Amino acid sequence: MVEQATGVTGGATQAQQAVASGRPGWLTFFAVTAIVLGGLVLMTIVTELGSEKLMNAQAAFMKDNAGPNPLREVQLDMQEKLAAATRQGSGLLRALAPLGALAALGLIAGGIGCLQLRRRARPLLLAALALGLIYDGARAKPVLDRQFAVTRVTQSSMARMVDAMGRRTTPPGAPPQQGQGPSTEAVQQFMGTAMNFATLAGMATALALIVLRFAFLIAGLIYLTRPRVRALFG
């Protein structure tokens, strides 16, 4: 009887070791990505909550050190408009911050637990993925609206900065110089094209990140509910 009990215990131990060492690669992928995503969500929450204060501090610093030149005036105006742009949707984002923090902590703890195949890690990660899906869905529109407002302010302000720099380098009434580098008009055209590209790239990046996060959260929910995955956690 003792030998049989020992054999059963040894077999169970070997089975547990086999399960631990044979963790599927997709489970590792979802667990590690959940940990990384949780950290990014926490950083995003801190950045969004502090962005308005940072913009106001930068504007106050520039006002204290402002000189009588058109370029500095454009920079001050840009800082004020950026601060106003970051206030768009700030109330909703602040209200969603506790939900995002809870989801982020669940992603981190659940991801670590799934790497170790802990029994409670799978339902914890499932709950965190579901909370993350609700959080990202609720904040998608205000985040895109804020990004659009910021890029629009940046685009218009940069165009004014190029014009102000042209006025500083070219004395009033001076004729255009030939053969001494590109003209102010050419520089403005180049900067306008670059700013339009940056605006489109910024919006496309923000939209792509939202889509990728949705795809990961949904795929993780589907994967963790598979029978084979449930069996790994006992």
Protein backbone atom coordinates (compact mmCIF):
# COMPACT_ATOMS: atom_id res chain seq x y z
CA MET A 1 0.00 0.00 0.00
CA VAL A 2 2.85 2.35 0.86
CA GLU A 3 4.55 1.58 -2.41
CA GLN A 4 1.30 2.20 -4.29
CA ALA A 5 0.76 5.52 -2.53
CA THR A 6 4.34 6.49 -3.22
CA GLY A 7 3.88 5.57 -6.86
CA VAL A 8 0.71 7.63 -7.14
CA THR A 9 2.40 10.62 -5.47
CA GLY A 10 5.42 10.30 -7.70
CA GLY A 11 3.22 10.08 -10.79
CA ALA A 12 1.31 13.21 -9.79
CA THR A 13 4.55 15.06 -9.17
CA GLN A 14 5.89 14.01 -12.57
CA ALA A 15 2.62 15.13 -14.21
CA GLN A 16 2.85 18.53 -12.52
CA GLN A 17 6.45 18.90 -13.65
CA ALA A 18 5.49 17.98 -17.19
CA VAL A 19 2.73 20.58 -17.22
CA ALA A 20 5.03 23.27 -15.82
CA SER A 21 7.80 22.55 -18.26
CA GLY A 22 5.40 22.15 -21.18
CA ARG A 23 3.75 25.58 -20.94
CA PRO A 24 2.41 26.46 -24.40
CA GLY A 25 4.19 29.22 -26.25
CA TRP A 26 0.93 31.13 -26.81
CA LEU A 27 0.26 31.15 -23.08
CA THR A 28 3.71 32.61 -22.52
CA PHE A 29 3.04 35.22 -25.20
CA PHE A 30 -0.27 36.33 -23.72
CA ALA A 31 1.12 36.35 -20.16
CA VAL A 32 4.22 38.38 -21.01
CA THR A 33 2.28 40.79 -23.23
CA ALA A 34 -0.29 41.27 -20.47
CA ILE A 35 2.50 42.23 -18.04
CA VAL A 36 3.96 44.72 -20.52
CA LEU A 37 0.54 46.14 -21.37
CA GLY A 38 -0.31 46.56 -17.70
CA GLY A 39 2.85 48.60 -17.18
CA LEU A 40 2.08 50.74 -20.23
CA VAL A 41 -1.46 51.38 -19.00
CA LEU A 42 -0.16 52.60 -15.64
CA MET A 43 2.35 54.91 -17.38
CA THR A 44 -0.39 56.21 -19.68
CA ILE A 45 -2.67 57.01 -16.74
CA VAL A 46 0.09 58.94 -14.96
CA THR A 47 0.96 60.83 -18.16
CA GLU A 48 -2.65 61.74 -18.94
CA LEU A 49 -3.35 62.94 -15.40
CA GLY A 50 -0.21 65.07 -15.31
CA SER A 51 -0.12 66.38 -18.88
CA GLU A 52 -2.21 69.49 -18.20
CA LYS A 53 -0.11 70.49 -15.19
CA LEU A 54 3.06 69.97 -17.21
CA MET A 55 1.77 72.16 -20.03
CA ASN A 56 0.77 74.92 -17.59
CA ALA A 57 4.19 74.75 -15.90
CA GLN A 58 5.96 75.03 -19.24
CA ALA A 59 3.81 78.01 -20.23
CA ALA A 60 4.51 79.74 -16.90
CA PHE A 61 8.26 79.14 -17.27
CA MET A 62 8.27 80.57 -20.78
CA LYS A 63 6.30 83.64 -19.66
CA ASP A 64 8.80 84.32 -16.89
CA ASN A 65 11.68 84.10 -19.36
CA ALA A 66 9.96 85.65 -22.35
CA GLY A 67 11.75 88.17 -24.49
CA PRO A 68 10.32 90.70 -26.93
CA ASN A 69 10.49 88.60 -30.10
CA PRO A 70 7.75 87.16 -32.35
CA LEU A 71 9.03 83.59 -32.08
CA ARG A 72 8.68 83.53 -28.31
CA GLU A 73 5.14 84.90 -28.59
CA VAL A 74 4.21 82.09 -30.97
CA GLN A 75 5.72 79.54 -28.57
CA LEU A 76 3.72 80.95 -25.66
CA ASP A 77 0.54 80.86 -27.71
CA MET A 78 1.29 77.26 -28.71
CA GLN A 79 1.78 76.20 -25.08
CA GLU A 80 -1.52 77.77 -24.06
CA LYS A 81 -3.38 76.10 -26.91
CA LEU A 82 -1.76 72.73 -26.16
CA ALA A 83 -2.82 73.04 -22.53
CA ALA A 84 -6.37 73.71 -23.69
CA ALA A 85 -6.22 70.74 -26.08
CA THR A 86 -5.10 68.38 -23.32
CA ARG A 87 -8.14 69.39 -21.29
CA GLN A 88 -10.45 67.83 -23.88
CA GLY A 89 -11.99 64.71 -22.36
CA SER A 90 -9.85 65.07 -19.22
CA GLY A 91 -12.88 64.64 -16.96
CA LEU A 92 -13.80 61.29 -18.48
CA LEU A 93 -10.18 60.11 -18.52
CA ARG A 94 -9.79 60.99 -14.83
CA ALA A 95 -13.01 59.14 -14.02
CA LEU A 96 -11.76 56.07 -15.90
CA ALA A 97 -8.32 56.13 -14.26
CA PRO A 98 -9.26 53.85 -11.29
CA LEU A 99 -10.74 51.30 -13.69
CA GLY A 100 -7.61 51.44 -15.84
CA ALA A 101 -5.34 51.06 -12.82
CA LEU A 102 -7.34 48.05 -11.61
CA ALA A 103 -7.15 46.46 -15.04
CA ALA A 104 -3.42 47.17 -15.27
CA LEU A 105 -2.66 45.61 -11.89
CA GLY A 106 -4.77 42.59 -12.83
CA LEU A 107 -2.89 42.21 -16.11
CA ILE A 108 0.44 42.29 -14.32
CA ALA A 109 -0.54 39.94 -11.49
CA GLY A 110 -2.47 37.59 -13.78
CA GLY A 111 0.35 37.50 -16.32
CA ILE A 112 2.93 36.63 -13.67
CA GLY A 113 0.63 33.96 -12.23
CA CYS A 114 -0.03 32.42 -15.65
CA LEU A 115 3.70 32.10 -16.24
CA GLN A 116 3.80 30.02 -13.07
CA LEU A 117 0.55 28.17 -13.91
CA ARG A 118 -1.11 29.20 -10.66
CA ARG A 119 -4.69 28.04 -10.31
CA ARG A 120 -6.22 31.48 -9.70
CA ALA A 121 -4.13 33.27 -12.31
CA ARG A 122 -6.30 32.37 -15.30
CA PRO A 123 -9.60 33.82 -13.93
CA LEU A 124 -7.68 36.85 -12.67
CA LEU A 125 -6.19 37.50 -16.10
CA LEU A 126 -9.57 36.91 -17.74
CA ALA A 127 -11.16 39.51 -15.47
CA ALA A 128 -8.33 41.96 -16.16
CA LEU A 129 -8.68 41.48 -19.92
CA ALA A 130 -12.42 42.13 -19.69
CA LEU A 131 -11.85 45.26 -17.60
CA GLY A 132 -9.20 46.41 -20.05
CA LEU A 133 -11.63 45.97 -22.91
CA ILE A 134 -14.22 48.14 -21.14
CA TYR A 135 -11.55 50.72 -20.23
CA ASP A 136 -10.13 50.99 -23.74
CA GLY A 137 -13.59 51.13 -25.29
CA ALA A 138 -14.69 53.97 -23.03
CA ARG A 139 -11.54 56.06 -23.58
CA ALA A 140 -11.03 55.49 -27.32
CA LYS A 141 -13.03 58.52 -28.52
CA PRO A 142 -11.67 61.11 -26.04
CA VAL A 143 -8.12 59.93 -26.68
CA LEU A 144 -8.52 60.29 -30.45
CA ASP A 145 -10.23 63.68 -30.03
CA ARG A 146 -7.37 64.89 -27.84
CA GLN A 147 -4.76 63.59 -30.27
CA PHE A 148 -6.48 65.34 -33.16
CA ALA A 149 -6.67 68.62 -31.23
CA VAL A 150 -3.00 68.45 -30.23
CA THR A 151 -1.80 67.71 -33.76
CA ARG A 152 -3.98 70.50 -35.15
CA VAL A 153 -2.52 73.02 -32.68
CA THR A 154 1.00 71.80 -33.39
CA GLN A 155 0.49 72.08 -37.13
CA SER A 156 -0.82 75.65 -37.05
CA SER A 157 1.74 76.80 -34.48
CA MET A 158 4.68 75.33 -36.35
CA ALA A 159 3.58 77.15 -39.49
CA ARG A 160 3.54 80.41 -37.54
CA MET A 161 6.97 79.61 -36.08
CA VAL A 162 8.44 79.15 -39.56
CA ASP A 163 6.96 82.48 -40.61
CA ALA A 164 8.33 84.18 -37.46
CA MET A 165 11.80 82.75 -38.06
CA GLY A 166 11.67 84.05 -41.63
CA ARG A 167 10.85 87.55 -40.35
CA ARG A 168 13.77 87.40 -37.91
CA THR A 169 16.34 86.31 -40.49
CA THR A 170 15.12 88.61 -43.27
CA PRO A 171 15.15 92.37 -42.51
CA PRO A 172 11.93 94.25 -43.40
CA GLY A 173 11.94 95.42 -46.99
CA ALA A 174 15.07 93.45 -47.90
CA PRO A 175 15.02 91.90 -51.39
CA PRO A 176 15.08 88.08 -51.63
CA GLN A 177 18.63 86.77 -51.78
CA GLN A 178 19.63 84.52 -54.63
CA GLY A 179 22.03 81.63 -54.45
CA GLN A 180 22.36 81.67 -50.66
CA GLY A 181 20.33 78.65 -49.68
CA PRO A 182 16.61 77.96 -49.83
CA SER A 183 14.16 80.82 -49.58
CA THR A 184 11.76 81.27 -46.68
CA GLU A 185 8.88 80.25 -48.93
CA ALA A 186 10.60 76.97 -49.81
CA VAL A 187 11.31 76.29 -46.15
CA GLN A 188 7.68 76.98 -45.27
CA GLN A 189 6.47 74.62 -47.98
CA PHE A 190 8.81 71.90 -46.75
CA MET A 191 7.76 72.42 -43.12
CA GLY A 192 4.09 72.40 -44.11
CA THR A 193 4.50 69.07 -45.89
CA ALA A 194 6.45 67.62 -42.96
CA MET A 195 3.82 68.80 -40.46
CA ASN A 196 0.97 67.35 -42.51
CA PHE A 197 2.81 64.03 -42.65
CA ALA A 198 3.49 64.15 -38.91
CA THR A 199 -0.20 64.89 -38.24
CA LEU A 200 -1.35 61.93 -40.30
CA ALA A 201 1.34 59.70 -38.80
CA GLY A 202 0.35 60.68 -35.26
CA MET A 203 -3.33 59.98 -35.85
CA ALA A 204 -2.56 56.71 -37.64
CA THR A 205 -0.28 55.60 -34.79
CA ALA A 206 -2.89 56.42 -32.13
CA LEU A 207 -5.58 54.55 -34.07
CA ALA A 208 -3.29 51.57 -34.72
CA LEU A 209 -2.41 51.27 -31.02
CA ILE A 210 -6.09 51.24 -30.08
CA VAL A 211 -6.86 48.56 -32.67
CA LEU A 212 -3.90 46.42 -31.55
CA ARG A 213 -4.91 46.64 -27.92
CA PHE A 214 -8.49 45.66 -28.74
CA ALA A 215 -7.21 42.73 -30.82
CA PHE A 216 -4.94 41.52 -28.01
CA LEU A 217 -7.62 41.79 -25.33
CA ILE A 218 -10.21 39.91 -27.39
CA ALA A 219 -7.72 37.26 -28.51
CA GLY A 220 -6.59 36.77 -24.91
CA LEU A 221 -10.16 36.28 -23.71
CA ILE A 222 -10.75 33.68 -26.40
CA TYR A 223 -7.49 31.83 -25.80
CA LEU A 224 -7.78 31.60 -22.02
CA THR A 225 -11.26 30.06 -22.25
CA ARG A 226 -10.10 27.11 -24.39
CA PRO A 227 -10.46 23.70 -22.69
CA ARG A 228 -6.78 22.85 -23.21
CA VAL A 229 -5.73 26.05 -21.49
CA ARG A 230 -8.16 25.52 -18.61
CA ALA A 231 -6.73 22.03 -18.11
CA LEU A 232 -3.25 23.47 -17.55
CA PHE A 233 -4.44 25.21 -14.40
CA GLY A 234 -6.16 22.17 -12.90
